[in-house]
PDB file of N, CA and C in Angstrom:
ATOM      1  N   MET A   1       0.846  -1.170   0.000  1.00  0.00           N
ATOM      2  CA  MET A   1       0.000   0.000   0.000  1.00  0.00           C
ATOM      3  C   MET A   1       0.896   1.239   0.000  1.00  0.00           C
ATOM      4  N   THR A   2       0.518   2.222  -0.773  1.00  0.00           N
ATOM      5  CA  THR A   2       1.286   3.465  -0.841  1.00  0.00           C
ATOM      6  C   THR A   2       0.714   4.483   0.142  1.00  0.00           C
ATOM      7  N   PHE A   3       1.507   5.516   0.434  1.00  0.00           N
ATOM      8  CA  PHE A   3       1.014   6.573   1.312  1.00  0.00           C
ATOM      9  C   PHE A   3      -0.140   7.319   0.649  1.00  0.00           C
ATOM     10  N   CYS A   4      -0.117   7.448  -0.657  1.00  0.00           N
ATOM     11  CA  CYS A   4      -1.227   8.093  -1.370  1.00  0.00           C
ATOM     12  C   CYS A   4      -2.539   7.362  -1.117  1.00  0.00           C
ATOM     13  N   GLU A   5      -2.497   6.042  -1.079  1.00  0.00           N
ATOM     14  CA  GLU A   5      -3.700   5.251  -0.772  1.00  0.00           C
ATOM     15  C   GLU A   5      -4.071   5.385   0.697  1.00  0.00           C
ATOM     16  N   LEU A   6      -3.066   5.374   1.567  1.00  0.00           N
ATOM     17  CA  LEU A   6      -3.296   5.443   3.007  1.00  0.00           C
ATOM     18  C   LEU A   6      -3.923   6.774   3.419  1.00  0.00           C
ATOM     19  N   LYS A   7      -3.479   7.870   2.806  1.00  0.00           N
ATOM     20  CA  LYS A   7      -3.976   9.180   3.225  1.00  0.00           C
ATOM     21  C   LYS A   7      -5.398   9.470   2.752  1.00  0.00           C
ATOM     22  N   GLN A   8      -5.993   8.592   1.978  1.00  0.00           N
ATOM     23  CA  GLN A   8      -7.391   8.739   1.566  1.00  0.00           C
ATOM     24  C   GLN A   8      -8.361   8.130   2.567  1.00  0.00           C
ATOM     25  N   LYS A   9      -7.840   7.409   3.563  1.00  0.00           N
ATOM     26  CA  LYS A   9      -8.691   6.695   4.520  1.00  0.00           C
ATOM     27  C   LYS A   9      -8.932   7.530   5.767  1.00  0.00           C
ATOM     28  N   ASP A  10     -10.133   7.431   6.343  1.00  0.00           N
ATOM     29  CA  ASP A  10     -10.449   8.090   7.604  1.00  0.00           C
ATOM     30  C   ASP A  10      -9.875   7.267   8.748  1.00  0.00           C
ATOM     31  N   VAL A  11      -9.334   7.945   9.749  1.00  0.00           N
ATOM     32  CA  VAL A  11      -8.825   7.280  10.947  1.00  0.00           C
ATOM     33  C   VAL A  11      -9.898   7.387  12.026  1.00  0.00           C
ATOM     34  N   ILE A  12     -10.313   6.239  12.559  1.00  0.00           N
ATOM     35  CA  ILE A  12     -11.385   6.172  13.550  1.00  0.00           C
ATOM     36  C   ILE A  12     -10.838   5.534  14.825  1.00  0.00           C
ATOM     37  N   ASN A  13     -11.115   6.169  15.969  1.00  0.00           N
ATOM     38  CA  ASN A  13     -10.732   5.604  17.257  1.00  0.00           C
ATOM     39  C   ASN A  13     -11.830   4.646  17.709  1.00  0.00           C
ATOM     40  N   ILE A  14     -11.506   3.373  17.883  1.00  0.00           N
ATOM     41  CA  ILE A  14     -12.525   2.381  18.243  1.00  0.00           C
ATOM     42  C   ILE A  14     -12.958   2.500  19.697  1.00  0.00           C
ATOM     43  N   CYS A  15     -12.194   3.225  20.529  1.00  0.00           N
ATOM     44  CA  CYS A  15     -12.573   3.379  21.938  1.00  0.00           C
ATOM     45  C   CYS A  15     -13.774   4.296  22.119  1.00  0.00           C
ATOM     46  N   ASP A  16     -13.862   5.355  21.300  1.00  0.00           N
ATOM     47  CA  ASP A  16     -14.976   6.280  21.448  1.00  0.00           C
ATOM     48  C   ASP A  16     -15.720   6.564  20.137  1.00  0.00           C
ATOM     49  N   GLY A  17     -15.287   5.943  19.040  1.00  0.00           N
ATOM     50  CA  GLY A  17     -15.967   6.121  17.759  1.00  0.00           C
ATOM     51  C   GLY A  17     -15.668   7.437  17.074  1.00  0.00           C
ATOM     52  N   ARG A  18     -14.741   8.205  17.605  1.00  0.00           N
ATOM     53  CA  ARG A  18     -14.443   9.525  17.068  1.00  0.00           C
ATOM     54  C   ARG A  18     -13.596   9.438  15.806  1.00  0.00           C
ATOM     55  N   ARG A  19     -13.930  10.277  14.828  1.00  0.00           N
ATOM     56  CA  ARG A  19     -13.159  10.390  13.595  1.00  0.00           C
ATOM     57  C   ARG A  19     -12.012  11.352  13.855  1.00  0.00           C
ATOM     58  N   LEU A  20     -10.787  10.895  13.632  1.00  0.00           N
ATOM     59  CA  LEU A  20      -9.604  11.705  13.905  1.00  0.00           C
ATOM     60  C   LEU A  20      -9.093  12.435  12.670  1.00  0.00           C
ATOM     61  N   GLY A  21      -9.609  12.108  11.510  1.00  0.00           N
ATOM     62  CA  GLY A  21      -9.173  12.743  10.275  1.00  0.00           C
ATOM     63  C   GLY A  21      -8.429  11.770   9.379  1.00  0.00           C
ATOM     64  N   LYS A  22      -7.863  12.283   8.327  1.00  0.00           N
ATOM     65  CA  LYS A  22      -7.094  11.466   7.387  1.00  0.00           C
ATOM     66  C   LYS A  22      -5.609  11.651   7.676  1.00  0.00           C
ATOM     67  N   PRO A  23      -4.802  10.618   7.465  1.00  0.00           N
ATOM     68  CA  PRO A  23      -3.360  10.743   7.718  1.00  0.00           C
ATOM     69  C   PRO A  23      -2.742  11.882   6.905  1.00  0.00           C
ATOM     70  N   ILE A  24      -1.839  12.628   7.562  1.00  0.00           N
ATOM     71  CA  ILE A  24      -1.143  13.712   6.873  1.00  0.00           C
ATOM     72  C   ILE A  24       0.357  13.460   6.786  1.00  0.00           C
ATOM     73  N   ASP A  25       0.855  12.479   7.567  1.00  0.00           N
ATOM     74  CA  ASP A  25       2.286  12.212   7.547  1.00  0.00           C
ATOM     75  C   ASP A  25       2.567  10.865   8.197  1.00  0.00           C
ATOM     76  N   LEU A  26       3.783  10.378   8.002  1.00  0.00           N
ATOM     77  CA  LEU A  26       4.264   9.151   8.629  1.00  0.00           C
ATOM     78  C   LEU A  26       5.558   9.459   9.367  1.00  0.00           C
ATOM     79  N   VAL A  27       5.823   8.711  10.438  1.00  0.00           N
ATOM     80  CA  VAL A  27       7.103   8.795  11.139  1.00  0.00           C
ATOM     81  C   VAL A  27       7.838   7.497  10.859  1.00  0.00           C
ATOM     82  N   LEU A  28       9.067   7.616  10.363  1.00  0.00           N
ATOM     83  CA  LEU A  28       9.885   6.448  10.036  1.00  0.00           C
ATOM     84  C   LEU A  28      11.058   6.345  11.002  1.00  0.00           C
ATOM     85  N   ASN A  29      11.491   5.108  11.284  1.00  0.00           N
ATOM     86  CA  ASN A  29      12.689   4.924  12.105  1.00  0.00           C
ATOM     87  C   ASN A  29      13.921   4.876  11.211  1.00  0.00           C
ATOM     88  N   GLU A  30      15.078   4.574  11.809  1.00  0.00           N
ATOM     89  CA  GLU A  30      16.332   4.556  11.058  1.00  0.00           C
ATOM     90  C   GLU A  30      16.336   3.511   9.948  1.00  0.00           C
ATOM     91  N   ALA A  31      15.562   2.442  10.126  1.00  0.00           N
ATOM     92  CA  ALA A  31      15.491   1.377   9.125  1.00  0.00           C
ATOM     93  C   ALA A  31      14.393   1.629   8.091  1.00  0.00           C
ATOM     94  N   ALA A  32      13.822   2.820   8.100  1.00  0.00           N
ATOM     95  CA  ALA A  32      12.760   3.220   7.178  1.00  0.00           C
ATOM     96  C   ALA A  32      11.477   2.418   7.366  1.00  0.00           C
ATOM     97  N   CYS A  33      11.228   1.943   8.599  1.00  0.00           N
ATOM     98  CA  CYS A  33       9.972   1.281   8.930  1.00  0.00           C
ATOM     99  C   CYS A  33       9.042   2.293   9.590  1.00  0.00           C
ATOM    100  N   VAL A  34       7.756   2.165   9.332  1.00  0.00           N
ATOM    101  CA  VAL A  34       6.784   3.110   9.882  1.00  0.00           C
ATOM    102  C   VAL A  34       6.659   2.903  11.391  1.00  0.00           C
ATOM    103  N   CYS A  35       6.828   3.996  12.152  1.00  0.00           N
ATOM    104  CA  CYS A  35       6.693   3.975  13.613  1.00  0.00           C
ATOM    105  C   CYS A  35       5.367   4.575  14.064  1.00  0.00           C
ATOM    106  N   ALA A  36       4.879   5.557  13.312  1.00  0.00           N
ATOM    107  CA  ALA A  36       3.667   6.261  13.722  1.00  0.00           C
ATOM    108  C   ALA A  36       2.985   6.886  12.518  1.00  0.00           C
ATOM    109  N   LEU A  37       1.711   7.127  12.696  1.00  0.00           N
ATOM    110  CA  LEU A  37       0.869   7.778  11.709  1.00  0.00           C
ATOM    111  C   LEU A  37       0.481   9.128  12.296  1.00  0.00           C
ATOM    112  N   ILE A  38       0.555  10.183  11.523  1.00  0.00           N
ATOM    113  CA  ILE A  38       0.196  11.523  11.999  1.00  0.00           C
ATOM    114  C   ILE A  38      -1.130  11.932  11.373  1.00  0.00           C
ATOM    115  N   VAL A  39      -2.079  12.346  12.234  1.00  0.00           N
ATOM    116  CA  VAL A  39      -3.365  12.875  11.769  1.00  0.00           C
ATOM    117  C   VAL A  39      -3.469  14.315  12.259  1.00  0.00           C
ATOM    118  N   PRO A  40      -4.320  15.133  11.639  1.00  0.00           N
ATOM    119  CA  PRO A  40      -4.452  16.526  12.085  1.00  0.00           C
ATOM    120  C   PRO A  40      -4.873  16.591  13.551  1.00  0.00           C
ATOM    121  N   GLY A  41      -4.417  17.614  14.242  1.00  0.00           N
ATOM    122  CA  GLY A  41      -4.829  17.823  15.624  1.00  0.00           C
ATOM    123  C   GLY A  41      -6.271  18.279  15.687  1.00  0.00           C
ATOM    124  N   PRO A  42      -6.791  18.441  16.907  1.00  0.00           N
ATOM    125  CA  PRO A  42      -8.170  18.927  17.049  1.00  0.00           C
ATOM    126  C   PRO A  42      -8.343  20.262  16.349  1.00  0.00           C
ATOM    127  N   SER A  43      -9.442  20.420  15.640  1.00  0.00           N
ATOM    128  CA  SER A  43      -9.647  21.657  14.899  1.00  0.00           C
ATOM    129  C   SER A  43     -10.457  22.650  15.724  1.00  0.00           C
ATOM    130  N   SER A  44     -10.151  23.900  15.526  1.00  0.00           N
ATOM    131  CA  SER A  44     -10.906  24.993  16.134  1.00  0.00           C
ATOM    132  C   SER A  44     -10.711  26.220  15.252  1.00  0.00           C
ATOM    133  N   PHE A  45     -11.408  27.280  15.571  1.00  0.00           N
ATOM    134  CA  PHE A  45     -11.279  28.502  14.788  1.00  0.00           C
ATOM    135  C   PHE A  45      -9.844  29.017  14.814  1.00  0.00           C
ATOM    136  N   TRP A  46      -9.188  28.974  15.972  1.00  0.00           N
ATOM    137  CA  TRP A  46      -7.832  29.514  16.102  1.00  0.00           C
ATOM    138  C   TRP A  46      -6.821  28.671  15.357  1.00  0.00           C
ATOM    139  N   ASN A  47      -7.043  27.371  15.246  1.00  0.00           N
ATOM    140  CA  ASN A  47      -6.124  26.523  14.493  1.00  0.00           C
ATOM    141  C   ASN A  47      -6.136  26.857  13.007  1.00  0.00           C
ATOM    142  N   CYS A  48      -7.239  27.389  12.508  1.00  0.00           N
ATOM    143  CA  CYS A  48      -7.306  27.775  11.096  1.00  0.00           C
ATOM    144  C   CYS A  48      -6.344  28.916  10.802  1.00  0.00           C
ATOM    145  N   LEU A  49      -6.042  29.712  11.810  1.00  0.00           N
ATOM    146  CA  LEU A  49      -5.154  30.853  11.630  1.00  0.00           C
ATOM    147  C   LEU A  49      -3.683  30.477  11.727  1.00  0.00           C
ATOM    148  N   LYS A  50      -3.411  29.258  12.232  1.00  0.00           N
ATOM    149  CA  LYS A  50      -2.028  28.802  12.374  1.00  0.00           C
ATOM    150  C   LYS A  50      -1.750  27.749  11.305  1.00  0.00           C
ATOM    151  N   PRO A  51      -1.038  28.081  10.248  1.00  0.00           N
ATOM    152  CA  PRO A  51      -0.813  27.119   9.173  1.00  0.00           C
ATOM    153  C   PRO A  51       0.114  25.973   9.565  1.00  0.00           C
ATOM    154  N   ASP A  52       0.914  26.123  10.626  1.00  0.00           N
ATOM    155  CA  ASP A  52       1.871  25.089  10.999  1.00  0.00           C
ATOM    156  C   ASP A  52       1.411  24.273  12.209  1.00  0.00           C
ATOM    157  N   ARG A  53       0.108  24.060  12.333  1.00  0.00           N
ATOM    158  CA  ARG A  53      -0.380  23.311  13.483  1.00  0.00           C
ATOM    159  C   ARG A  53       0.153  21.884  13.488  1.00  0.00           C
ATOM    160  N   GLU A  54       0.327  21.375  14.681  1.00  0.00           N
ATOM    161  CA  GLU A  54       0.868  20.033  14.822  1.00  0.00           C
ATOM    162  C   GLU A  54      -0.261  19.011  14.774  1.00  0.00           C
ATOM    163  N   GLY A  55       0.108  17.781  14.479  1.00  0.00           N
ATOM    164  CA  GLY A  55      -0.868  16.720  14.431  1.00  0.00           C
ATOM    165  C   GLY A  55      -0.743  15.787  15.620  1.00  0.00           C
ATOM    166  N   ILE A  56      -1.573  14.777  15.620  1.00  0.00           N
ATOM    167  CA  ILE A  56      -1.559  13.748  16.653  1.00  0.00           C
ATOM    168  C   ILE A  56      -0.763  12.572  16.116  1.00  0.00           C
ATOM    169  N   SER A  57       0.219  12.130  16.873  1.00  0.00           N
ATOM    170  CA  SER A  57       1.030  10.988  16.485  1.00  0.00           C
ATOM    171  C   SER A  57       0.404   9.721  17.056  1.00  0.00           C
ATOM    172  N   ILE A  58       0.058   8.790  16.184  1.00  0.00           N
ATOM    173  CA  ILE A  58      -0.540   7.521  16.596  1.00  0.00           C
ATOM    174  C   ILE A  58       0.505   6.431  16.394  1.00  0.00           C
ATOM    175  N   PRO A  59       1.002   5.834  17.486  1.00  0.00           N
ATOM    176  CA  PRO A  59       2.003   4.771  17.346  1.00  0.00           C
ATOM    177  C   PRO A  59       1.472   3.620  16.488  1.00  0.00           C
ATOM    178  N   TRP A  60       2.343   3.054  15.677  1.00  0.00           N
ATOM    179  CA  TRP A  60       1.938   1.995  14.760  1.00  0.00           C
ATOM    180  C   TRP A  60       1.301   0.817  15.492  1.00  0.00           C
ATOM    181  N   GLU A  61       1.774   0.540  16.707  1.00  0.00           N
ATOM    182  CA  GLU A  61       1.220  -0.600  17.453  1.00  0.00           C
ATOM    183  C   GLU A  61      -0.200  -0.339  17.958  1.00  0.00           C
ATOM    184  N   ARG A  62      -0.697   0.910  17.851  1.00  0.00           N
ATOM    185  CA  ARG A  62      -2.079   1.237  18.223  1.00  0.00           C
ATOM    186  C   ARG A  62      -3.036   1.095  17.047  1.00  0.00           C
ATOM    187  N   ILE A  63      -2.523   0.852  15.858  1.00  0.00           N
ATOM    188  CA  ILE A  63      -3.376   0.633  14.690  1.00  0.00           C
ATOM    189  C   ILE A  63      -3.875  -0.801  14.733  1.00  0.00           C
ATOM    190  N   ARG A  64      -5.186  -0.960  14.735  1.00  0.00           N
ATOM    191  CA  ARG A  64      -5.782  -2.297  14.867  1.00  0.00           C
ATOM    192  C   ARG A  64      -6.132  -2.927  13.526  1.00  0.00           C
ATOM    193  N   ARG A  65      -6.554  -2.112  12.570  1.00  0.00           N
ATOM    194  CA  ARG A  65      -6.941  -2.661  11.269  1.00  0.00           C
ATOM    195  C   ARG A  65      -6.944  -1.559  10.221  1.00  0.00           C
ATOM    196  N   ILE A  66      -6.469  -1.907   9.040  1.00  0.00           N
ATOM    197  CA  ILE A  66      -6.545  -0.993   7.899  1.00  0.00           C
ATOM    198  C   ILE A  66      -7.505  -1.618   6.906  1.00  0.00           C
ATOM    199  N   GLY A  67      -8.658  -0.982   6.739  1.00  0.00           N
ATOM    200  CA  GLY A  67      -9.676  -1.501   5.836  1.00  0.00           C
ATOM    201  C   GLY A  67      -9.664  -0.779   4.500  1.00  0.00           C
ATOM    202  N   ASP A  68     -10.705  -1.021   3.720  1.00  0.00           N
ATOM    203  CA  ASP A  68     -10.814  -0.392   2.406  1.00  0.00           C
ATOM    204  C   ASP A  68     -10.992   1.119   2.506  1.00  0.00           C
ATOM    205  N   ASP A  69     -11.767   1.574   3.510  1.00  0.00           N
ATOM    206  CA  ASP A  69     -12.096   2.989   3.634  1.00  0.00           C
ATOM    207  C   ASP A  69     -11.603   3.637   4.922  1.00  0.00           C
ATOM    208  N   VAL A  70     -11.306   2.828   5.949  1.00  0.00           N
ATOM    209  CA  VAL A  70     -10.947   3.387   7.252  1.00  0.00           C
ATOM    210  C   VAL A  70      -9.728   2.696   7.846  1.00  0.00           C
ATOM    211  N   ILE A  71      -9.107   3.408   8.769  1.00  0.00           N
ATOM    212  CA  ILE A  71      -8.028   2.868   9.592  1.00  0.00           C
ATOM    213  C   ILE A  71      -8.542   2.902  11.025  1.00  0.00           C
ATOM    214  N   LEU A  72      -8.646   1.747  11.669  1.00  0.00           N
ATOM    215  CA  LEU A  72      -9.132   1.681  13.031  1.00  0.00           C
ATOM    216  C   LEU A  72      -7.951   1.697  13.988  1.00  0.00           C
ATOM    217  N   VAL A  73      -8.008   2.609  14.960  1.00  0.00           N
ATOM    218  CA  VAL A  73      -6.954   2.723  15.962  1.00  0.00           C
ATOM    219  C   VAL A  73      -7.576   2.607  17.347  1.00  0.00           C
ATOM    220  N   GLU A  74      -6.758   2.248  18.319  1.00  0.00           N
ATOM    221  CA  GLU A  74      -7.234   2.126  19.700  1.00  0.00           C
ATOM    222  C   GLU A  74      -6.445   3.095  20.572  1.00  0.00           C
ATOM    223  N   LEU A  75      -7.089   4.222  20.909  1.00  0.00           N
ATOM    224  CA  LEU A  75      -6.466   5.264  21.724  1.00  0.00           C
ATOM    225  C   LEU A  75      -7.365   5.570  22.906  1.00  0.00           C
ATOM    226  N   GLU A  76      -6.773   5.698  24.091  1.00  0.00           N
ATOM    227  CA  GLU A  76      -7.537   6.073  25.274  1.00  0.00           C
ATOM    228  C   GLU A  76      -8.092   7.480  25.085  1.00  0.00           C
ATOM    229  N   ALA A  77      -9.145   7.806  25.832  1.00  0.00           N
ATOM    230  CA  ALA A  77      -9.820   9.096  25.667  1.00  0.00           C
ATOM    231  C   ALA A  77      -8.899  10.276  25.942  1.00  0.00           C
ATOM    232  N   ASN A  78      -7.946  10.138  26.850  1.00  0.00           N
ATOM    233  CA  ASN A  78      -7.079  11.263  27.202  1.00  0.00           C
ATOM    234  C   ASN A  78      -5.858  11.360  26.292  1.00  0.00           C
ATOM    235  N   TYR A  79      -5.756  10.515  25.283  1.00  0.00           N
ATOM    236  CA  TYR A  79      -4.594  10.501  24.395  1.00  0.00           C
ATOM    237  C   TYR A  79      -4.574  11.716  23.475  1.00  0.00           C
ATOM    238  N   THR A  80      -5.739  12.124  22.988  1.00  0.00           N
ATOM    239  CA  THR A  80      -5.784  13.217  22.013  1.00  0.00           C
ATOM    240  C   THR A  80      -6.155  14.527  22.635  1.00  0.00           C
TER     241      THR A  80
END
């Protein structure tokens, strides 16, 4: 699977059913293996004014399933 395909999928937290957004970046380790998936941070009016807002890093081991349309992750409520 390519990153172009991956970034078209919605990321859903299975703990609370919340949609976290679509992937915007990947974190790679020294061996070029994926360590984490980055999704946009919580949106608000003030975040629209900051073009360099940070995203939420989801560790690869928290990804439970990558389906045709969604990526299911398991994050505690206080994680985001």
